[in-house]
Protein backbone atom coordinates (compact mmCIF):
# COMPACT_ATOMS: atom_id res chain seq x y z
CA MET A 1 -8.75 2.06 -13.34
CA PRO A 2 -9.86 2.03 -9.70
CA VAL A 3 -12.86 0.01 -8.57
CA ILE A 4 -15.52 2.20 -6.99
CA VAL A 5 -18.08 0.61 -4.68
CA ARG A 6 -21.26 2.55 -4.10
CA ARG A 7 -24.88 2.04 -3.14
CA ALA A 8 -26.90 0.60 -5.96
CA ARG A 9 -29.50 2.67 -7.76
CA THR A 10 -32.55 1.52 -9.64
CA ALA A 11 -30.65 2.08 -12.89
CA ASP A 12 -28.20 -0.64 -11.75
CA VAL A 13 -30.85 -3.37 -11.50
CA ALA A 14 -30.35 -4.44 -15.13
CA ALA A 15 -26.63 -5.01 -14.46
CA ILE A 16 -27.38 -6.83 -11.19
CA ARG A 17 -29.92 -8.96 -13.09
CA GLY A 18 -27.21 -9.82 -15.62
CA LEU A 19 -24.78 -10.87 -12.88
CA VAL A 20 -27.40 -13.01 -11.16
CA ASP A 21 -28.32 -14.61 -14.48
CA THR A 22 -24.66 -15.46 -15.08
CA TYR A 23 -24.48 -17.64 -11.97
CA ALA A 24 -28.08 -18.85 -11.48
CA PRO A 25 -28.02 -21.65 -14.11
CA ASP A 26 -25.35 -23.58 -12.20
CA ARG A 27 -27.00 -22.67 -8.84
CA ARG A 28 -24.05 -20.64 -7.58
CA LEU A 29 -26.63 -17.89 -7.02
CA LEU A 30 -30.35 -18.19 -6.61
CA SER A 31 -32.33 -16.55 -9.34
CA LYS A 32 -34.54 -13.72 -8.18
CA ALA A 33 -37.43 -12.06 -9.91
CA THR A 34 -36.56 -8.65 -11.26
CA VAL A 35 -39.24 -7.09 -9.08
CA VAL A 36 -37.45 -8.51 -6.01
CA LEU A 37 -34.19 -6.93 -7.16
CA TYR A 38 -35.96 -3.57 -7.41
CA GLU A 39 -37.58 -4.07 -4.00
CA ASP A 40 -34.19 -4.89 -2.49
CA VAL A 41 -32.08 -2.35 -4.39
CA GLN A 42 -31.41 -0.39 -1.19
CA GLU A 43 -29.59 -3.46 0.21
CA PHE A 44 -27.23 -3.69 -2.77
CA GLN A 45 -23.86 -2.18 -3.43
CA VAL A 46 -22.22 -2.30 -6.82
CA ALA A 47 -18.61 -2.19 -7.93
CA GLU A 48 -17.92 -0.23 -11.06
CA VAL A 49 -14.99 0.74 -13.18
CA ASP A 50 -15.38 3.67 -15.53
CA GLY A 51 -19.16 3.60 -15.05
CA VAL A 52 -19.54 -0.12 -15.85
CA VAL A 53 -20.94 -2.38 -13.12
CA LEU A 54 -18.59 -5.35 -12.66
CA GLY A 55 -19.86 -6.72 -9.36
CA CYS A 56 -22.56 -6.55 -6.74
CA GLY A 57 -23.55 -7.74 -3.30
CA ALA A 58 -26.27 -7.14 -0.76
CA LEU A 59 -26.54 -6.93 3.00
CA HIS A 60 -29.84 -8.07 4.47
CA VAL A 61 -30.34 -7.33 8.17
CA MET A 62 -32.27 -10.13 9.82
CA TRP A 63 -32.19 -9.19 13.49
CA GLU A 64 -30.58 -6.75 15.89
CA ASP A 65 -27.18 -8.42 15.73
CA LEU A 66 -27.40 -10.58 12.60
CA ALA A 67 -27.23 -9.89 8.87
CA GLU A 68 -26.73 -11.93 5.74
CA VAL A 69 -24.39 -11.16 2.88
CA ARG A 70 -26.29 -12.07 -0.30
CA THR A 71 -25.87 -12.12 -4.04
CA VAL A 72 -22.13 -11.40 -4.16
CA ALA A 73 -21.22 -11.70 -7.83
CA VAL A 74 -18.47 -10.52 -10.13
CA HIS A 75 -18.45 -10.51 -13.91
CA PRO A 76 -16.45 -13.58 -15.03
CA ASP A 77 -13.97 -11.44 -16.97
CA HIS A 78 -12.96 -9.74 -13.72
CA HIS A 79 -12.45 -12.68 -11.36
CA GLY A 80 -9.28 -12.55 -9.31
CA GLN A 81 -8.96 -8.77 -9.54
CA GLY A 82 -10.26 -7.95 -6.05
CA VAL A 83 -13.70 -6.79 -7.16
CA GLY A 84 -15.58 -9.29 -4.99
CA SER A 85 -13.33 -8.59 -2.01
CA THR A 86 -13.91 -4.87 -2.38
CA VAL A 87 -17.69 -5.37 -2.48
CA LEU A 88 -17.61 -7.69 0.53
CA GLN A 89 -15.47 -5.29 2.58
CA SER A 90 -17.91 -2.49 1.81
CA LEU A 91 -20.88 -4.64 2.88
CA LEU A 92 -19.10 -5.53 6.12
CA ALA A 93 -18.37 -1.86 6.79
CA THR A 94 -22.08 -1.15 6.34
CA ALA A 95 -22.91 -3.95 8.78
CA ARG A 96 -20.58 -2.39 11.35
CA GLU A 97 -22.17 1.05 10.83
CA LEU A 98 -25.59 -0.48 11.45
CA GLY A 99 -24.40 -2.14 14.67
CA VAL A 100 -24.59 -5.70 13.37
CA ARG A 101 -22.21 -8.01 15.25
CA ARG A 102 -22.51 -11.20 13.15
CA VAL A 103 -22.72 -11.66 9.40
CA PHE A 104 -23.43 -14.97 7.74
CA CYS A 105 -23.74 -16.28 4.22
CA LEU A 106 -25.01 -19.43 2.51
CA THR A 107 -22.43 -20.18 -0.14
CA PHE A 108 -20.62 -22.61 -2.37
CA GLU A 109 -17.65 -20.19 -2.39
CA THR A 110 -16.19 -21.23 0.96
CA ALA A 111 -12.59 -20.41 0.01
CA PHE A 112 -13.51 -16.83 -0.91
CA PHE A 113 -15.43 -16.17 2.30
CA GLY A 114 -12.83 -18.06 4.36
CA ARG A 115 -10.14 -15.65 3.13
CA HIS A 116 -12.24 -12.86 4.64
CA GLY A 117 -12.51 -14.43 8.09
CA PHE A 118 -15.76 -16.35 7.73
CA HIS A 119 -15.84 -19.83 9.25
CA VAL A 120 -18.24 -22.73 8.84
CA ALA A 121 -21.10 -22.17 11.28
CA ASP A 122 -22.14 -25.36 12.98
CA GLU A 123 -23.78 -23.55 15.87
CA VAL A 124 -27.37 -22.32 16.03
CA LEU A 125 -27.24 -18.64 15.15
CA VAL A 126 -30.45 -17.51 16.87
CA ASP A 127 -32.41 -18.64 19.88
CA ALA A 128 -35.94 -20.06 19.71
CA ARG A 129 -37.60 -16.70 20.45
CA VAL A 130 -35.81 -14.96 17.58
CA ALA A 131 -36.44 -17.91 15.26
CA SER A 132 -40.15 -17.62 16.08
CA GLU A 133 -40.07 -13.94 15.11
CA LEU A 134 -38.14 -14.66 11.92
CA LEU A 135 -40.83 -17.15 10.85
CA GLN A 136 -43.09 -14.13 10.29
CA SER A 137 -40.85 -12.76 7.53
CA PRO A 138 -41.97 -13.30 3.93
CA ASP A 139 -38.34 -13.11 2.75
CA GLU A 140 -37.14 -16.31 1.06
CA GLY A 141 -33.62 -15.77 2.38
CA VAL A 142 -34.95 -15.85 5.93
CA ALA A 143 -36.69 -19.15 5.12
CA GLU A 144 -33.35 -20.46 3.82
CA PHE A 145 -31.61 -19.27 6.97
CA LEU A 146 -34.18 -21.12 9.09
CA ASP A 147 -33.66 -24.20 6.89
CA LEU A 148 -37.38 -24.60 6.28
CA ASP A 149 -38.35 -27.71 4.33
CA ARG A 150 -39.92 -25.70 1.50
CA VAL A 151 -36.58 -24.07 0.59
CA LYS A 152 -34.20 -26.98 1.17
CA PRO A 153 -33.85 -27.62 -2.59
CA ASN A 154 -32.52 -24.03 -2.88
CA THR A 155 -29.81 -24.53 -0.28
CA LEU A 156 -28.72 -28.07 -1.12
CA GLY A 157 -24.94 -28.18 -0.98
CA ASN A 158 -24.51 -24.65 0.39
CA THR A 159 -22.34 -24.06 3.41
CA ARG A 160 -23.45 -21.69 6.16
CA MET A 161 -20.53 -19.47 7.11
CA LEU A 162 -20.29 -16.84 9.85
CA LEU A 163 -18.13 -13.84 10.62
CA ASP A 164 -18.05 -12.19 14.05
CA LEU A 165 -17.53 -8.45 13.67
CA ALA A 166 -17.20 -7.80 17.40
């Protein structure tokens, strides 16, 4: 059956919660409160086959030209079947539609993202003025992006990867 990727709906949050809970214990994904998943549902896309959600991912715009791919997860029974790639390609298409030029991720899955053109980002991704603006965001992912001390335990071992869409 074909994989269909679509915008997530509130009814999908339980399935997204299940995917997050699958990978949070070994820190491959950060656990998020269910209320945060509902608040962010408009950022998510889900992959489904025959009405069953098998994967998810989110695109969080951080600035005019920068967005983060977050919470990309696939049910373990469906690894290696292209579900994650399909979700990621859909998120990147959305980024292009929004006018985002650069997409980054914080990940342990460097091989997966590398296959999709992401490279390890050693460079500073925003200038001091933008970083100052981003400090005003209450979003934990923005704090992780800025590498603030209070979130360093969350990002320990992650690799920052970047894809230029331009």
